[in-house]
Amino acid sequence: MREKYIEERYPALMVFGLHAVNGMPQVCDVNGETNVSVLSRAEADRLVEFHNKKVHALINMAQAFEKADQKAFQKFWYEKEDV
């Protein structure tokens, strides 16, 4: 399992800039599906770090799972009964 496939499903967050109206830092993903205004840049950085740590932990677990039992991983990840 390549990291990019996991990141496509669970994209990392980033601080995108400041909201045009309220001037608050904007946290978003690359798809624009998550878009959050936060009170400070420090808060934005904490949110991004927290989320991205979870994504990287998921990547490590998924890759280890696939390495340990590829058929079971494919059944889980792709929700297929006949792999």
N, C-alpha and C. Protein backbone atom coordinates (compact mmCIF):
# COMPACT_ATOMS: atom_id res chain seq x y z
N MET A 1 0.85 -1.18 0.00
CA MET A 1 0.00 0.00 0.00
C MET A 1 0.89 1.22 0.00
N ARG A 2 0.71 2.06 -0.95
CA ARG A 2 1.48 3.29 -1.03
C ARG A 2 0.82 4.37 -0.16
N GLU A 3 1.66 5.22 0.40
CA GLU A 3 1.15 6.30 1.25
C GLU A 3 0.12 7.14 0.52
N LYS A 4 0.35 7.39 -0.76
CA LYS A 4 -0.55 8.28 -1.50
C LYS A 4 -1.98 7.77 -1.54
N TYR A 5 -2.17 6.44 -1.54
CA TYR A 5 -3.53 5.90 -1.58
C TYR A 5 -4.25 6.14 -0.26
N ILE A 6 -3.52 6.07 0.83
CA ILE A 6 -4.11 6.34 2.13
C ILE A 6 -4.38 7.84 2.27
N GLU A 7 -3.43 8.64 1.82
CA GLU A 7 -3.60 10.10 1.91
C GLU A 7 -4.71 10.60 1.00
N GLU A 8 -5.01 9.87 -0.07
CA GLU A 8 -6.15 10.26 -0.91
C GLU A 8 -7.46 10.09 -0.15
N ARG A 9 -7.54 9.04 0.64
CA ARG A 9 -8.76 8.77 1.42
C ARG A 9 -8.81 9.62 2.68
N TYR A 10 -7.66 9.83 3.30
CA TYR A 10 -7.55 10.60 4.54
C TYR A 10 -6.48 11.67 4.35
N PRO A 11 -6.81 12.78 3.68
CA PRO A 11 -5.79 13.77 3.35
C PRO A 11 -5.25 14.51 4.58
N ALA A 12 -3.98 14.88 4.47
CA ALA A 12 -3.34 15.68 5.51
C ALA A 12 -3.96 17.07 5.53
N LEU A 13 -3.82 17.73 6.65
CA LEU A 13 -4.28 19.12 6.78
C LEU A 13 -3.10 20.06 6.66
N MET A 14 -3.40 21.32 6.34
CA MET A 14 -2.38 22.36 6.26
C MET A 14 -3.01 23.69 6.64
N VAL A 15 -2.17 24.63 7.04
CA VAL A 15 -2.63 26.00 7.28
C VAL A 15 -2.58 26.68 5.92
N PHE A 16 -3.73 27.11 5.44
CA PHE A 16 -3.84 27.61 4.07
C PHE A 16 -3.65 29.11 3.97
N GLY A 17 -3.94 29.82 5.01
CA GLY A 17 -3.84 31.28 4.98
C GLY A 17 -4.81 31.86 5.99
N LEU A 18 -5.23 33.07 5.74
CA LEU A 18 -6.16 33.75 6.64
C LEU A 18 -7.51 33.92 5.97
N HIS A 19 -8.57 33.76 6.75
CA HIS A 19 -9.92 33.96 6.25
C HIS A 19 -10.07 35.40 5.78
N ALA A 20 -10.69 35.59 4.64
CA ALA A 20 -10.80 36.92 4.04
C ALA A 20 -11.61 37.89 4.88
N VAL A 21 -12.60 37.40 5.61
CA VAL A 21 -13.49 38.27 6.37
C VAL A 21 -13.02 38.45 7.81
N ASN A 22 -12.76 37.31 8.51
CA ASN A 22 -12.46 37.43 9.94
C ASN A 22 -10.96 37.41 10.26
N GLY A 23 -10.11 37.16 9.27
CA GLY A 23 -8.67 37.20 9.49
C GLY A 23 -8.10 36.04 10.29
N MET A 24 -8.93 35.05 10.59
CA MET A 24 -8.47 33.89 11.37
C MET A 24 -7.73 32.92 10.47
N PRO A 25 -6.74 32.19 11.02
CA PRO A 25 -6.05 31.18 10.22
C PRO A 25 -7.03 30.12 9.73
N GLN A 26 -6.85 29.69 8.48
CA GLN A 26 -7.69 28.66 7.89
C GLN A 26 -6.90 27.36 7.80
N VAL A 27 -7.48 26.28 8.31
CA VAL A 27 -6.91 24.95 8.21
C VAL A 27 -7.78 24.19 7.22
N CYS A 28 -7.13 23.54 6.23
CA CYS A 28 -7.90 22.81 5.23
C CYS A 28 -7.11 21.60 4.74
N ASP A 29 -7.81 20.75 3.95
CA ASP A 29 -7.12 19.66 3.28
C ASP A 29 -7.00 20.02 1.80
N VAL A 30 -6.26 19.20 1.05
CA VAL A 30 -6.01 19.51 -0.35
C VAL A 30 -7.26 19.41 -1.21
N ASN A 31 -8.29 18.69 -0.73
CA ASN A 31 -9.52 18.53 -1.49
C ASN A 31 -10.55 19.63 -1.19
N GLY A 32 -10.29 20.43 -0.17
CA GLY A 32 -11.24 21.47 0.22
C GLY A 32 -12.44 20.93 0.96
N GLU A 33 -12.38 19.66 1.40
CA GLU A 33 -13.51 19.08 2.12
C GLU A 33 -13.51 19.47 3.59
N THR A 34 -12.34 19.76 4.13
CA THR A 34 -12.21 20.22 5.51
C THR A 34 -11.72 21.66 5.45
N ASN A 35 -12.44 22.55 6.08
CA ASN A 35 -12.04 23.95 6.08
C ASN A 35 -12.48 24.54 7.42
N VAL A 36 -11.50 24.84 8.27
CA VAL A 36 -11.78 25.25 9.64
C VAL A 36 -11.09 26.57 9.93
N SER A 37 -11.80 27.50 10.54
CA SER A 37 -11.18 28.73 11.05
C SER A 37 -10.81 28.50 12.50
N VAL A 38 -9.62 28.89 12.88
CA VAL A 38 -9.18 28.75 14.27
C VAL A 38 -8.75 30.11 14.80
N LEU A 39 -8.60 30.21 16.11
CA LEU A 39 -8.36 31.50 16.73
C LEU A 39 -6.95 32.04 16.56
N SER A 40 -5.97 31.14 16.47
CA SER A 40 -4.59 31.61 16.37
C SER A 40 -3.76 30.70 15.49
N ARG A 41 -2.61 31.18 15.06
CA ARG A 41 -1.71 30.37 14.26
C ARG A 41 -1.21 29.17 15.08
N ALA A 42 -0.95 29.37 16.36
CA ALA A 42 -0.50 28.27 17.23
C ALA A 42 -1.56 27.18 17.30
N GLU A 43 -2.81 27.57 17.42
CA GLU A 43 -3.91 26.60 17.45
C GLU A 43 -4.00 25.86 16.11
N ALA A 44 -3.84 26.59 15.02
CA ALA A 44 -3.86 25.97 13.69
C ALA A 44 -2.74 24.95 13.56
N ASP A 45 -1.55 25.31 13.99
CA ASP A 45 -0.40 24.40 13.91
C ASP A 45 -0.63 23.15 14.76
N ARG A 46 -1.22 23.29 15.94
CA ARG A 46 -1.51 22.14 16.80
C ARG A 46 -2.52 21.21 16.14
N LEU A 47 -3.56 21.78 15.54
CA LEU A 47 -4.58 21.00 14.86
C LEU A 47 -3.99 20.21 13.69
N VAL A 48 -3.18 20.87 12.88
CA VAL A 48 -2.54 20.23 11.74
C VAL A 48 -1.62 19.10 12.21
N GLU A 49 -0.80 19.37 13.22
CA GLU A 49 0.13 18.36 13.73
C GLU A 49 -0.63 17.15 14.29
N PHE A 50 -1.67 17.40 15.06
CA PHE A 50 -2.47 16.32 15.65
C PHE A 50 -3.08 15.44 14.56
N HIS A 51 -3.71 16.05 13.58
CA HIS A 51 -4.35 15.29 12.50
C HIS A 51 -3.32 14.52 11.68
N ASN A 52 -2.23 15.18 11.31
CA ASN A 52 -1.24 14.54 10.45
C ASN A 52 -0.52 13.39 11.14
N LYS A 53 -0.35 13.46 12.47
CA LYS A 53 0.22 12.34 13.21
C LYS A 53 -0.69 11.12 13.09
N LYS A 54 -2.00 11.34 13.17
CA LYS A 54 -2.95 10.24 13.03
C LYS A 54 -2.89 9.64 11.64
N VAL A 55 -2.79 10.47 10.62
CA VAL A 55 -2.72 9.97 9.25
C VAL A 55 -1.46 9.12 9.06
N HIS A 56 -0.33 9.58 9.57
CA HIS A 56 0.92 8.82 9.43
C HIS A 56 0.89 7.52 10.24
N ALA A 57 0.23 7.52 11.38
CA ALA A 57 0.06 6.29 12.14
C ALA A 57 -0.78 5.30 11.34
N LEU A 58 -1.83 5.78 10.70
CA LEU A 58 -2.68 4.93 9.87
C LEU A 58 -1.88 4.36 8.70
N ILE A 59 -1.05 5.18 8.09
CA ILE A 59 -0.20 4.71 6.99
C ILE A 59 0.69 3.57 7.47
N ASN A 60 1.35 3.76 8.61
CA ASN A 60 2.25 2.73 9.14
C ASN A 60 1.49 1.44 9.46
N MET A 61 0.31 1.58 10.07
CA MET A 61 -0.49 0.39 10.39
C MET A 61 -0.96 -0.32 9.13
N ALA A 62 -1.43 0.44 8.15
CA ALA A 62 -1.92 -0.17 6.92
C ALA A 62 -0.81 -0.91 6.19
N GLN A 63 0.36 -0.31 6.13
CA GLN A 63 1.47 -0.97 5.45
C GLN A 63 1.91 -2.22 6.20
N ALA A 64 1.92 -2.18 7.51
CA ALA A 64 2.28 -3.36 8.30
C ALA A 64 1.22 -4.45 8.16
N PHE A 65 -0.04 -4.08 8.16
CA PHE A 65 -1.13 -5.03 7.99
C PHE A 65 -1.02 -5.71 6.63
N GLU A 66 -0.80 -4.91 5.59
CA GLU A 66 -0.68 -5.48 4.25
C GLU A 66 0.51 -6.43 4.15
N LYS A 67 1.62 -6.06 4.78
CA LYS A 67 2.81 -6.91 4.75
C LYS A 67 2.57 -8.23 5.50
N ALA A 68 1.83 -8.17 6.59
CA ALA A 68 1.58 -9.36 7.40
C ALA A 68 0.58 -10.31 6.74
N ASP A 69 -0.46 -9.76 6.11
CA ASP A 69 -1.49 -10.61 5.49
C ASP A 69 -2.18 -9.82 4.38
N GLN A 70 -1.62 -9.95 3.18
CA GLN A 70 -2.10 -9.14 2.07
C GLN A 70 -3.57 -9.39 1.74
N LYS A 71 -4.01 -10.64 1.77
CA LYS A 71 -5.41 -10.93 1.45
C LYS A 71 -6.36 -10.31 2.47
N ALA A 72 -6.03 -10.45 3.74
CA ALA A 72 -6.88 -9.87 4.79
C ALA A 72 -6.91 -8.35 4.67
N PHE A 73 -5.76 -7.76 4.36
CA PHE A 73 -5.71 -6.31 4.21
C PHE A 73 -6.60 -5.87 3.05
N GLN A 74 -6.48 -6.53 1.91
CA GLN A 74 -7.29 -6.14 0.75
C GLN A 74 -8.78 -6.30 1.03
N LYS A 75 -9.13 -7.35 1.74
CA LYS A 75 -10.53 -7.54 2.11
C LYS A 75 -11.01 -6.38 2.98
N PHE A 76 -10.18 -5.99 3.94
CA PHE A 76 -10.52 -4.88 4.83
C PHE A 76 -10.55 -3.55 4.08
N TRP A 77 -9.47 -3.22 3.37
CA TRP A 77 -9.33 -1.90 2.76
C TRP A 77 -10.30 -1.67 1.61
N TYR A 78 -10.45 -2.69 0.77
CA TYR A 78 -11.29 -2.55 -0.42
C TYR A 78 -12.70 -3.09 -0.20
N GLU A 79 -12.98 -3.62 0.99
CA GLU A 79 -14.29 -4.15 1.36
C GLU A 79 -14.78 -5.17 0.35
N LYS A 80 -13.87 -6.10 -0.03
CA LYS A 80 -14.21 -7.15 -0.98
C LYS A 80 -14.19 -8.49 -0.25
N GLU A 81 -15.09 -9.33 -0.58
CA GLU A 81 -15.16 -10.66 0.02
C GLU A 81 -14.27 -11.66 -0.72
N ASP A 82 -14.09 -11.47 -2.01
CA ASP A 82 -13.41 -12.47 -2.82
C ASP A 82 -12.07 -11.95 -3.38
N VAL A 83 -11.12 -11.74 -2.51
CA VAL A 83 -9.78 -11.33 -2.97
C VAL A 83 -8.80 -12.45 -2.80
